[in-house]
N, C-alpha and C. Protein backbone atom coordinates (compact mmCIF):
# COMPACT_ATOMS: atom_id res chain seq x y z
N MET A 1 27.80 19.56 -17.64
CA MET A 1 26.34 20.48 -18.34
C MET A 1 26.54 20.55 -19.66
N ALA A 2 28.02 20.87 -20.18
CA ALA A 2 28.13 20.85 -21.85
C ALA A 2 27.63 19.47 -22.55
N VAL A 3 27.65 18.37 -21.97
CA VAL A 3 26.67 17.12 -22.64
C VAL A 3 25.19 17.16 -22.63
N TYR A 4 24.87 17.63 -21.28
CA TYR A 4 23.45 17.77 -21.19
C TYR A 4 22.45 18.98 -22.15
N GLY A 5 23.75 20.05 -22.55
CA GLY A 5 23.11 21.06 -23.56
C GLY A 5 23.46 20.65 -24.75
N ASN A 6 24.40 20.00 -25.39
CA ASN A 6 24.34 19.15 -26.36
C ASN A 6 23.18 18.44 -26.80
N SER A 7 23.02 17.75 -25.61
CA SER A 7 21.92 16.55 -26.09
C SER A 7 20.53 17.50 -26.24
N ILE A 8 20.21 18.68 -25.44
CA ILE A 8 18.88 19.15 -25.75
C ILE A 8 18.94 19.88 -27.45
N ILE A 9 20.19 20.26 -27.61
CA ILE A 9 20.39 21.06 -29.29
C ILE A 9 19.91 20.04 -30.05
N GLU A 10 20.59 18.93 -29.68
CA GLU A 10 20.32 17.74 -30.89
C GLU A 10 18.73 17.38 -30.76
N VAL A 11 18.22 17.18 -29.69
CA VAL A 11 17.05 16.72 -29.43
C VAL A 11 15.82 18.11 -30.31
N GLY A 12 16.31 19.28 -29.97
CA GLY A 12 15.32 20.70 -30.86
C GLY A 12 16.20 20.17 -32.38
N ARG A 13 16.98 19.63 -32.69
CA ARG A 13 17.00 19.75 -34.30
C ARG A 13 16.38 18.66 -34.86
N GLN A 14 16.65 17.65 -34.18
CA GLN A 14 15.63 15.81 -34.83
C GLN A 14 13.92 16.72 -34.67
N LYS A 15 13.70 17.40 -33.77
CA LYS A 15 12.49 17.97 -33.62
C LYS A 15 11.92 18.89 -35.09
N GLY A 16 13.06 19.51 -34.71
CA GLY A 16 12.79 20.62 -36.13
C GLY A 16 12.75 20.29 -37.53
N TYR A 17 13.72 19.31 -37.39
CA TYR A 17 13.75 18.48 -39.10
C TYR A 17 12.26 17.83 -38.98
N SER A 18 11.97 16.91 -37.94
CA SER A 18 10.37 16.50 -38.23
C SER A 18 9.14 17.54 -38.56
N TRP A 19 9.10 18.57 -37.67
CA TRP A 19 8.14 19.57 -38.13
C TRP A 19 8.59 20.26 -39.27
N GLU A 20 9.78 20.56 -40.01
CA GLU A 20 9.91 21.04 -41.12
C GLU A 20 9.60 20.00 -42.07
N LYS A 21 9.46 19.10 -42.09
CA LYS A 21 9.54 17.94 -42.87
C LYS A 21 7.71 17.71 -42.80
N GLY A 22 6.83 18.01 -41.56
CA GLY A 22 5.60 17.80 -41.61
C GLY A 22 5.20 19.23 -42.42
N LEU A 23 5.56 20.34 -42.15
CA LEU A 23 5.12 20.86 -43.00
C LEU A 23 4.96 21.24 -44.45
N GLU A 24 6.45 20.66 -44.69
CA GLU A 24 6.73 20.29 -46.56
C GLU A 24 5.38 19.53 -46.63
N GLY A 25 5.20 18.44 -46.13
CA GLY A 25 3.98 17.56 -46.27
C GLY A 25 2.42 18.37 -46.44
N GLU A 26 2.38 19.48 -45.59
CA GLU A 26 0.84 20.26 -45.06
C GLU A 26 1.26 20.82 -46.40
N ASN A 27 2.13 21.72 -46.67
CA ASN A 27 2.10 22.45 -48.13
C ASN A 27 1.69 22.04 -49.38
N LEU A 28 1.97 20.67 -49.47
CA LEU A 28 2.11 20.20 -50.52
C LEU A 28 0.45 19.34 -50.73
N VAL A 29 0.07 18.93 -49.96
CA VAL A 29 -1.42 19.11 -49.61
C VAL A 29 -2.55 20.12 -49.55
N SER A 30 -1.86 20.91 -49.27
CA SER A 30 -2.61 22.61 -49.46
C SER A 30 -2.40 23.08 -50.73
N ASP A 31 -1.47 22.48 -51.42
CA ASP A 31 -1.05 22.93 -52.96
C ASP A 31 -2.52 22.40 -53.81
N TYR A 32 -2.49 20.80 -53.91
CA TYR A 32 -3.30 20.12 -54.30
C TYR A 32 -4.97 20.82 -53.77
N LEU A 33 -5.21 21.00 -52.52
CA LEU A 33 -6.66 21.39 -51.82
C LEU A 33 -7.09 22.75 -52.92
N ASN A 34 -5.94 23.79 -53.35
CA ASN A 34 -6.08 24.54 -53.89
C ASN A 34 -6.63 24.73 -55.33
N THR A 35 -6.67 23.39 -55.58
CA THR A 35 -7.26 23.04 -57.16
C THR A 35 -8.85 23.05 -56.83
N LEU A 36 -9.59 22.73 -56.13
CA LEU A 36 -10.65 22.78 -55.60
C LEU A 36 -11.30 23.74 -56.48
N PRO A 37 -12.97 23.65 -57.33
CA PRO A 37 -13.26 25.09 -57.21
C PRO A 37 -13.43 25.86 -56.38
N LYS A 38 -13.97 27.31 -56.51
CA LYS A 38 -14.10 28.40 -55.52
C LYS A 38 -15.29 27.98 -54.60
N ASP A 39 -16.21 27.15 -55.08
CA ASP A 39 -17.30 26.73 -53.81
C ASP A 39 -17.04 25.88 -52.88
N TYR A 40 -15.54 25.75 -52.85
CA TYR A 40 -15.11 24.64 -51.71
C TYR A 40 -14.38 25.84 -50.53
N PHE A 41 -14.27 25.75 -49.44
CA PHE A 41 -13.39 26.41 -48.26
C PHE A 41 -12.41 25.65 -47.69
N ASP A 42 -11.23 26.21 -47.77
CA ASP A 42 -10.23 25.44 -47.31
C ASP A 42 -9.33 26.22 -46.43
N TYR A 43 -9.42 25.40 -44.90
CA TYR A 43 -8.72 25.62 -44.34
C TYR A 43 -7.62 25.10 -43.28
N ASN A 44 -6.38 25.79 -43.37
CA ASN A 44 -5.21 24.99 -43.03
C ASN A 44 -4.67 25.81 -41.76
N ASP A 45 -4.18 24.56 -41.03
CA ASP A 45 -4.10 24.47 -39.49
C ASP A 45 -4.68 25.48 -38.78
N VAL A 46 -5.79 24.61 -38.44
CA VAL A 46 -6.80 25.30 -37.88
C VAL A 46 -6.84 24.64 -36.20
N ASN A 47 -6.68 25.23 -35.37
CA ASN A 47 -6.46 25.32 -33.89
C ASN A 47 -8.45 25.65 -33.07
N LEU A 48 -8.54 24.59 -32.90
CA LEU A 48 -9.74 24.96 -32.02
C LEU A 48 -9.91 25.39 -30.64
N PRO A 49 -10.65 26.12 -30.01
CA PRO A 49 -10.69 26.74 -28.90
C PRO A 49 -10.75 25.44 -27.81
N GLY A 50 -9.73 26.11 -27.10
CA GLY A 50 -9.47 24.70 -26.03
C GLY A 50 -9.14 23.21 -25.86
N LYS A 51 -8.68 23.21 -27.58
CA LYS A 51 -7.80 21.66 -28.06
C LYS A 51 -6.55 22.05 -27.75
N ARG A 52 -5.63 20.94 -27.70
CA ARG A 52 -4.41 20.88 -27.79
C ARG A 52 -4.00 20.34 -28.97
N GLY A 53 -3.19 20.89 -29.93
CA GLY A 53 -2.64 20.57 -31.21
C GLY A 53 -3.72 21.54 -32.39
N ASN A 54 -3.31 20.52 -33.36
CA ASN A 54 -4.47 21.17 -34.19
C ASN A 54 -4.37 20.26 -35.66
N ILE A 55 -5.63 20.90 -36.44
CA ILE A 55 -6.07 20.09 -37.89
C ILE A 55 -5.26 20.58 -38.61
N ASP A 56 -4.73 19.93 -39.50
CA ASP A 56 -3.65 20.22 -40.57
C ASP A 56 -4.83 20.93 -41.60
N HIS A 57 -5.79 20.33 -42.11
CA HIS A 57 -6.55 21.04 -43.09
C HIS A 57 -8.17 20.48 -42.81
N VAL A 58 -8.91 21.51 -43.00
CA VAL A 58 -10.53 21.19 -43.07
C VAL A 58 -10.99 21.76 -44.17
N VAL A 59 -11.68 20.74 -45.03
CA VAL A 59 -12.26 21.55 -46.25
C VAL A 59 -13.76 21.30 -45.98
N ILE A 60 -14.94 22.45 -46.65
CA ILE A 60 -16.08 22.48 -46.84
C ILE A 60 -16.61 22.86 -47.72
N GLY A 61 -17.56 22.22 -48.40
CA GLY A 61 -17.57 22.85 -49.36
C GLY A 61 -19.29 21.57 -50.10
N PRO A 62 -19.66 21.36 -51.41
CA PRO A 62 -20.96 20.89 -51.58
C PRO A 62 -20.93 19.51 -51.34
N THR A 63 -19.81 19.02 -51.35
CA THR A 63 -19.72 17.67 -50.90
C THR A 63 -19.53 17.23 -49.47
N GLY A 64 -19.49 18.26 -48.53
CA GLY A 64 -19.33 17.79 -47.10
C GLY A 64 -18.46 18.51 -46.61
N ILE A 65 -17.93 17.61 -45.48
CA ILE A 65 -16.86 18.48 -44.57
C ILE A 65 -15.81 17.58 -44.49
N TYR A 66 -14.72 17.44 -44.27
CA TYR A 66 -13.37 16.59 -44.44
C TYR A 66 -12.52 17.49 -44.18
N VAL A 67 -11.91 16.47 -42.84
CA VAL A 67 -11.04 16.80 -41.63
C VAL A 67 -9.77 16.05 -42.26
N ILE A 68 -8.66 16.67 -42.91
CA ILE A 68 -7.88 15.87 -43.26
C ILE A 68 -6.34 15.96 -42.13
N GLU A 69 -5.88 15.07 -42.36
CA GLU A 69 -4.42 14.71 -41.15
C GLU A 69 -3.33 14.49 -42.25
N THR A 70 -2.56 15.41 -42.53
CA THR A 70 -1.26 15.02 -43.17
C THR A 70 -0.02 14.36 -42.74
N LYS A 71 0.39 13.54 -43.62
CA LYS A 71 1.86 12.95 -42.43
C LYS A 71 2.64 12.84 -43.56
N ASN A 72 3.98 13.12 -43.33
CA ASN A 72 5.03 12.89 -44.14
C ASN A 72 6.06 12.04 -43.84
N TYR A 73 6.02 10.67 -43.95
CA TYR A 73 6.79 10.01 -43.25
C TYR A 73 7.87 9.06 -44.04
N SER A 74 9.05 8.38 -43.80
CA SER A 74 9.36 7.71 -44.62
C SER A 74 9.83 6.25 -43.83
N GLY A 75 10.12 5.58 -44.58
CA GLY A 75 10.12 4.11 -44.27
C GLY A 75 9.16 3.02 -44.72
N ARG A 76 8.78 1.99 -43.95
CA ARG A 76 7.49 0.93 -44.62
C ARG A 76 6.32 0.99 -43.70
N TYR A 77 5.67 0.87 -44.44
CA TYR A 77 4.15 1.24 -43.45
C TYR A 77 3.05 0.10 -44.05
N ARG A 78 2.72 -0.09 -43.16
CA ARG A 78 1.44 -1.31 -43.61
C ARG A 78 -0.17 -0.86 -42.77
N ILE A 79 -1.02 -0.93 -43.80
CA ILE A 79 -2.47 -0.16 -42.94
C ILE A 79 -3.23 -1.19 -42.91
N LYS A 80 -3.73 -2.01 -41.94
CA LYS A 80 -4.66 -2.95 -41.94
C LYS A 80 -5.78 -2.89 -41.02
N GLY A 81 -6.65 -2.12 -41.35
CA GLY A 81 -7.88 -1.43 -40.93
C GLY A 81 -7.28 -0.44 -39.98
N ASN A 82 -8.08 -0.48 -38.92
CA ASN A 82 -7.39 0.99 -37.99
C ASN A 82 -6.26 0.59 -37.38
N GLU A 83 -5.57 -0.55 -37.73
CA GLU A 83 -3.77 -0.62 -36.86
C GLU A 83 -2.78 -0.49 -38.20
N TRP A 84 -2.13 0.90 -37.63
CA TRP A 84 -0.49 0.78 -38.34
C TRP A 84 0.78 0.24 -38.07
N LEU A 85 1.44 -0.26 -38.83
CA LEU A 85 2.48 -1.41 -38.84
C LEU A 85 3.27 -0.58 -39.55
N TYR A 86 4.94 -0.43 -38.34
CA TYR A 86 6.08 0.07 -39.30
C TYR A 86 7.15 -1.11 -39.26
N TYR A 87 8.05 -1.24 -40.33
CA TYR A 87 8.69 -1.66 -40.45
C TYR A 87 10.17 -1.48 -39.58
N LYS A 88 10.49 -2.18 -38.80
CA LYS A 88 11.95 -1.74 -38.26
C LYS A 88 12.51 -3.43 -37.66
N HIS A 89 13.50 -3.33 -37.77
CA HIS A 89 14.86 -4.49 -36.97
C HIS A 89 14.27 -5.29 -37.86
N GLY A 90 13.96 -5.72 -38.93
CA GLY A 90 12.99 -6.93 -39.90
C GLY A 90 12.14 -7.69 -39.77
N LYS A 91 11.17 -6.49 -38.93
CA LYS A 91 9.68 -6.87 -38.62
C LYS A 91 8.65 -5.92 -38.53
N TYR A 92 7.21 -6.17 -38.48
CA TYR A 92 6.49 -4.90 -38.32
C TYR A 92 6.23 -4.78 -37.15
N LYS A 93 6.23 -3.39 -36.52
CA LYS A 93 5.55 -3.28 -35.17
C LYS A 93 4.47 -2.30 -35.42
N LYS A 94 3.59 -2.53 -34.11
CA LYS A 94 2.29 -1.76 -34.25
C LYS A 94 2.76 -0.10 -33.51
N LEU A 95 1.95 0.73 -34.47
CA LEU A 95 2.75 1.94 -33.97
C LEU A 95 1.21 2.40 -32.91
N LYS A 96 2.10 2.82 -31.71
CA LYS A 96 0.70 3.03 -30.56
C LYS A 96 -0.38 4.52 -31.27
N ASN A 97 0.56 5.73 -31.79
CA ASN A 97 -0.17 6.61 -32.24
C ASN A 97 0.03 6.93 -33.33
N ASN A 98 -1.32 6.50 -34.01
CA ASN A 98 -1.36 6.18 -35.37
C ASN A 98 -2.00 7.68 -36.29
N PRO A 99 -1.72 7.82 -37.15
CA PRO A 99 -2.11 8.64 -37.97
C PRO A 99 -4.16 8.91 -38.26
N GLY A 100 -4.43 7.36 -38.21
CA GLY A 100 -5.58 7.12 -38.30
C GLY A 100 -6.58 7.76 -36.80
N THR A 101 -5.90 7.22 -35.80
CA THR A 101 -6.57 7.91 -34.80
C THR A 101 -6.53 9.45 -34.06
N GLN A 102 -5.46 9.62 -34.69
CA GLN A 102 -5.45 11.06 -34.91
C GLN A 102 -6.63 11.89 -35.67
N VAL A 103 -6.43 11.44 -37.01
CA VAL A 103 -8.13 12.28 -37.74
C VAL A 103 -9.28 12.05 -37.14
N ARG A 104 -9.41 10.77 -36.21
CA ARG A 104 -11.02 10.30 -36.06
C ARG A 104 -11.07 11.63 -34.81
N LYS A 105 -10.06 11.55 -33.74
CA LYS A 105 -9.99 12.53 -32.76
C LYS A 105 -10.31 13.95 -33.00
N ASN A 106 -9.62 13.98 -34.20
CA ASN A 106 -9.82 15.78 -34.61
C ASN A 106 -11.04 15.78 -35.32
N THR A 107 -11.63 14.84 -35.80
CA THR A 107 -13.06 14.37 -36.31
C THR A 107 -14.16 14.97 -35.62
N VAL A 108 -13.81 14.22 -34.25
CA VAL A 108 -15.04 14.21 -33.08
C VAL A 108 -14.83 15.44 -32.92
N ASP A 109 -13.55 16.11 -32.58
CA ASP A 109 -13.52 17.62 -31.91
C ASP A 109 -14.27 18.95 -32.64
N LEU A 110 -14.04 18.46 -34.27
CA LEU A 110 -14.76 19.37 -35.28
C LEU A 110 -16.23 19.58 -34.85
N ILE A 111 -17.15 17.88 -34.97
CA ILE A 111 -18.32 17.77 -34.59
C ILE A 111 -18.65 18.78 -33.32
N ASN A 112 -17.87 18.22 -32.18
CA ASN A 112 -18.34 19.08 -30.79
C ASN A 112 -17.86 20.51 -31.14
N PHE A 113 -16.94 21.12 -31.56
CA PHE A 113 -16.86 22.18 -31.92
C PHE A 113 -18.33 23.11 -32.40
N LEU A 114 -18.34 22.55 -33.61
CA LEU A 114 -19.67 22.90 -34.72
C LEU A 114 -21.40 22.72 -33.92
N ASN A 115 -21.17 21.53 -33.02
CA ASN A 115 -22.70 21.45 -32.48
C ASN A 115 -22.54 22.49 -31.02
N GLU A 116 -21.51 22.91 -30.50
CA GLU A 116 -21.38 23.68 -29.73
C GLU A 116 -21.82 25.03 -30.00
N LYS A 117 -21.57 25.69 -31.40
CA LYS A 117 -21.61 26.72 -31.92
C LYS A 117 -23.10 26.41 -32.43
N GLY A 118 -24.04 25.39 -32.28
CA GLY A 118 -25.42 25.38 -32.89
C GLY A 118 -25.70 24.60 -33.98
N ILE A 119 -24.57 24.26 -34.27
CA ILE A 119 -24.91 23.30 -35.74
C ILE A 119 -24.68 21.91 -35.83
N SER A 120 -25.93 21.56 -35.69
CA SER A 120 -26.19 19.98 -36.15
C SER A 120 -25.24 19.48 -36.98
N THR A 121 -24.66 18.72 -36.85
CA THR A 121 -23.93 17.89 -37.99
C THR A 121 -24.52 16.34 -38.01
N LYS A 122 -25.97 16.10 -37.35
CA LYS A 122 -26.49 14.89 -37.51
C LYS A 122 -26.66 14.30 -38.90
N ASN A 123 -26.93 14.90 -39.75
CA ASN A 123 -27.12 14.50 -41.32
C ASN A 123 -26.35 15.34 -42.32
N THR A 124 -24.91 15.83 -41.75
CA THR A 124 -24.17 16.27 -42.81
C THR A 124 -22.93 15.16 -42.95
N TRP A 125 -22.52 15.08 -44.10
CA TRP A 125 -21.20 13.81 -44.08
C TRP A 125 -19.95 14.80 -43.82
N ILE A 126 -19.25 13.87 -42.89
CA ILE A 126 -17.81 14.33 -42.14
C ILE A 126 -16.88 13.40 -42.16
N THR A 127 -16.01 13.56 -43.44
CA THR A 127 -15.30 12.22 -43.65
C THR A 127 -13.80 12.57 -43.02
N SER A 128 -13.22 11.73 -42.90
CA SER A 128 -11.79 11.63 -42.18
C SER A 128 -10.94 11.58 -43.03
N LEU A 129 -9.80 11.88 -43.74
CA LEU A 129 -8.76 11.55 -44.19
C LEU A 129 -7.58 11.55 -43.95
N VAL A 130 -6.75 10.71 -44.30
CA VAL A 130 -5.32 10.87 -43.71
C VAL A 130 -4.29 10.97 -45.47
N ALA A 131 -3.85 11.86 -45.62
CA ALA A 131 -3.03 12.42 -47.04
C ALA A 131 -1.76 11.84 -46.31
N PHE A 132 -1.09 10.45 -46.78
CA PHE A 132 -0.30 9.79 -46.23
C PHE A 132 0.84 9.92 -47.64
N ILE A 133 1.94 10.54 -47.35
CA ILE A 133 3.35 11.19 -48.19
C ILE A 133 4.24 9.89 -47.75
N CYS A 134 4.40 8.87 -48.50
CA CYS A 134 5.54 8.03 -47.75
C CYS A 134 5.38 6.82 -48.98
N PRO A 135 6.76 7.01 -49.79
CA PRO A 135 6.96 6.10 -50.55
C PRO A 135 6.58 4.63 -50.92
N ASP A 136 6.50 4.60 -49.42
CA ASP A 136 6.48 2.51 -49.22
C ASP A 136 5.28 2.34 -48.06
N PHE A 137 4.15 2.55 -48.57
CA PHE A 137 3.09 1.90 -48.01
C PHE A 137 1.95 1.13 -48.80
N LYS A 138 1.20 0.36 -47.58
CA LYS A 138 0.39 -0.62 -48.74
C LYS A 138 -0.87 -0.31 -47.28
N VAL A 139 -2.33 -0.48 -48.22
CA VAL A 139 -3.39 -0.45 -47.10
C VAL A 139 -3.33 -1.89 -47.60
N LEU A 140 -3.45 -2.51 -46.41
CA LEU A 140 -3.86 -4.25 -46.46
C LEU A 140 -5.26 -4.36 -46.31
N LYS A 141 -5.83 -3.74 -45.53
CA LYS A 141 -7.22 -3.57 -44.98
C LYS A 141 -7.58 -2.19 -45.02
N THR A 142 -8.49 -2.12 -45.46
CA THR A 142 -9.14 -0.85 -45.60
C THR A 142 -9.88 -0.27 -44.22
N PRO A 143 -9.36 0.68 -43.76
CA PRO A 143 -10.16 1.40 -42.37
C PRO A 143 -11.36 1.47 -42.45
N GLN A 144 -11.79 1.38 -41.23
CA GLN A 144 -13.51 1.43 -41.29
C GLN A 144 -13.71 2.69 -41.01
N THR A 145 -13.06 3.63 -40.75
CA THR A 145 -13.78 5.31 -40.21
C THR A 145 -12.96 6.31 -40.66
N TYR A 146 -12.26 5.95 -41.58
CA TYR A 146 -11.55 6.89 -42.28
C TYR A 146 -10.98 6.33 -43.69
N LYS A 147 -10.63 6.94 -44.51
CA LYS A 147 -9.60 7.06 -45.73
C LYS A 147 -8.11 7.05 -45.39
N VAL A 148 -7.56 6.69 -46.32
CA VAL A 148 -5.92 6.92 -46.84
C VAL A 148 -5.43 7.30 -47.83
N LEU A 149 -5.28 8.12 -48.56
CA LEU A 149 -4.81 8.62 -49.62
C LEU A 149 -3.31 9.40 -50.16
N ILE A 150 -3.33 9.13 -50.93
CA ILE A 150 -1.70 9.87 -51.51
C ILE A 150 -2.59 11.43 -51.93
N PRO A 151 -1.57 12.42 -51.88
CA PRO A 151 -1.93 13.75 -51.86
C PRO A 151 -2.46 14.01 -52.73
N LYS A 152 -2.28 14.01 -54.14
CA LYS A 152 -2.74 14.48 -55.31
C LYS A 152 -3.99 13.56 -55.67
N THR A 153 -4.49 12.74 -55.19
CA THR A 153 -5.54 12.08 -55.23
C THR A 153 -6.70 12.73 -54.47
N VAL A 154 -6.68 13.34 -53.14
CA VAL A 154 -7.63 14.18 -52.37
C VAL A 154 -8.44 15.05 -52.71
N PRO A 155 -8.39 15.94 -53.70
CA PRO A 155 -9.02 16.43 -54.22
C PRO A 155 -10.46 16.04 -55.15
N GLN A 156 -9.68 14.86 -55.91
CA GLN A 156 -10.33 14.22 -56.88
C GLN A 156 -11.70 13.26 -56.01
N TYR A 157 -10.99 12.92 -54.39
CA TYR A 157 -11.94 12.16 -53.66
C TYR A 157 -13.13 12.91 -53.16
N ILE A 158 -12.85 14.25 -52.74
CA ILE A 158 -13.52 15.17 -52.12
C ILE A 158 -14.65 15.44 -53.41
N LEU A 159 -14.01 15.69 -54.51
CA LEU A 159 -15.24 16.16 -55.66
C LEU A 159 -16.25 15.35 -56.10
N LYS A 160 -15.55 13.72 -55.65
CA LYS A 160 -16.89 12.78 -55.90
C LYS A 160 -17.39 12.44 -55.08
N GLY A 161 -17.55 13.18 -53.59
CA GLY A 161 -18.14 12.57 -52.45
C GLY A 161 -19.77 12.88 -52.93
N LYS A 162 -20.68 12.61 -52.22
CA LYS A 162 -22.16 12.62 -52.40
C LYS A 162 -22.34 14.20 -52.06
N LYS A 163 -23.30 14.92 -53.15
CA LYS A 163 -23.92 16.07 -52.66
C LYS A 163 -24.68 16.35 -51.35
N GLU A 164 -24.34 17.01 -50.73
CA GLU A 164 -24.99 17.59 -49.77
C GLU A 164 -26.27 18.42 -49.69
N GLN A 165 -27.24 18.21 -49.07
CA GLN A 165 -28.34 18.88 -49.25
C GLN A 165 -28.67 20.59 -48.48
N ASN A 166 -28.17 20.33 -47.38
CA ASN A 166 -27.79 21.89 -46.47
C ASN A 166 -26.69 22.34 -46.61
N MET A 167 -26.93 23.39 -47.76
CA MET A 167 -25.58 24.14 -48.17
C MET A 167 -25.52 25.36 -47.03
N ASN A 168 -26.81 25.91 -46.03
CA ASN A 168 -26.77 26.65 -45.55
C ASN A 168 -25.92 26.45 -44.23
N LEU A 169 -26.04 25.18 -43.91
CA LEU A 169 -25.40 24.63 -42.82
C LEU A 169 -24.02 24.51 -43.26
N LEU A 170 -23.76 24.37 -44.21
CA LEU A 170 -22.05 24.51 -44.56
C LEU A 170 -21.68 25.58 -44.52
N VAL A 171 -22.38 26.45 -45.07
CA VAL A 171 -22.11 27.85 -45.05
C VAL A 171 -21.85 28.43 -43.45
N ARG A 172 -22.69 27.89 -42.53
CA ARG A 172 -22.69 28.50 -41.30
C ARG A 172 -21.04 27.53 -40.91
N ALA A 173 -21.02 26.39 -41.09
CA ALA A 173 -19.83 25.62 -40.41
C ALA A 173 -18.47 26.68 -41.09
N ALA A 174 -18.58 26.86 -42.09
CA ALA A 174 -17.29 27.58 -42.89
C ALA A 174 -16.95 29.21 -42.09
N LEU A 175 -18.18 29.71 -41.74
CA LEU A 175 -18.27 30.78 -41.31
C LEU A 175 -17.57 31.18 -39.57
N GLU A 176 -18.24 29.92 -38.86
CA GLU A 176 -17.63 29.78 -37.64
C GLU A 176 -16.16 28.69 -37.59
N LEU A 177 -15.86 28.53 -38.49
CA LEU A 177 -14.41 28.07 -38.31
C LEU A 177 -13.30 28.88 -38.86
N GLU A 178 -13.82 30.03 -39.56
CA GLU A 178 -12.74 30.69 -39.88
C GLU A 178 -11.75 31.76 -39.07
N PRO A 179 -12.32 32.04 -37.57
CA PRO A 179 -11.44 32.58 -36.75
C PRO A 179 -10.79 31.75 -35.96
N CYS A 180 -10.79 30.14 -36.58
CA CYS A 180 -9.83 29.19 -35.89
C CYS A 180 -8.61 28.79 -37.02
N CYS A 181 -8.76 29.51 -38.10
CA CYS A 181 -7.50 29.01 -38.96
C CYS A 181 -6.51 30.18 -38.58
N VAL A 182 -5.20 29.42 -38.94
CA VAL A 182 -3.85 29.94 -38.97
C VAL A 182 -3.74 29.71 -40.45
N GLU A 183 -2.96 30.66 -41.26
CA GLU A 183 -2.57 30.67 -42.40
C GLU A 183 -1.16 30.32 -42.24
N LEU A 184 0.06 29.58 -42.46
CA LEU A 184 1.41 29.68 -42.18
C LEU A 184 1.71 29.55 -43.73
N THR A 185 2.66 30.69 -44.24
CA THR A 185 3.22 30.62 -45.45
C THR A 185 4.73 30.62 -45.42
N VAL A 186 5.66 29.94 -45.94
CA VAL A 186 7.09 30.08 -46.09
C VAL A 186 7.24 29.94 -47.75
N ALA A 187 8.46 31.30 -48.09
CA ALA A 187 8.80 31.24 -49.30
C ALA A 187 9.59 30.25 -49.80
N ARG A 188 9.30 30.17 -50.69
CA ARG A 188 10.18 28.76 -51.27
C ARG A 188 10.90 29.32 -52.40
């Protein structure tokens, strides 16, 4: 029984470390997003009703809507289109559940949520981004349905986006999203 108990404690420590490291990454991205102008709404830790998991960041502003998945990984990664590869035991192995798949799922969930609220996203630019914190990664072939950026370049990318014509729609989306946002602050 003691061995079983110790293994549960160790798994909890590992998951806790992973959660803590993830939160560190999300806080870093949030700090960069806080540099955006006042006409951008920045939501952190968004929990959509009826969905498991969360969306790390959603930004709504004059250049559209951005769904951002933050990953704070160590190791060696290569991104080849929508395929993520991780270096282990002398070779690259394909990741089954990769951040690109996660951010696209989160984007679809957000689109469905807004559509259910009567907000048509048909003519609105919604961009999926992965903010990747990893010292050794390389994009070999650009993914087709999302961008992979380092955190400090995320605000610049957002600001360079195409200006949206329907600001009323963006304001409505921001208001609907507000009750789904959870702000978690950790004293530093």
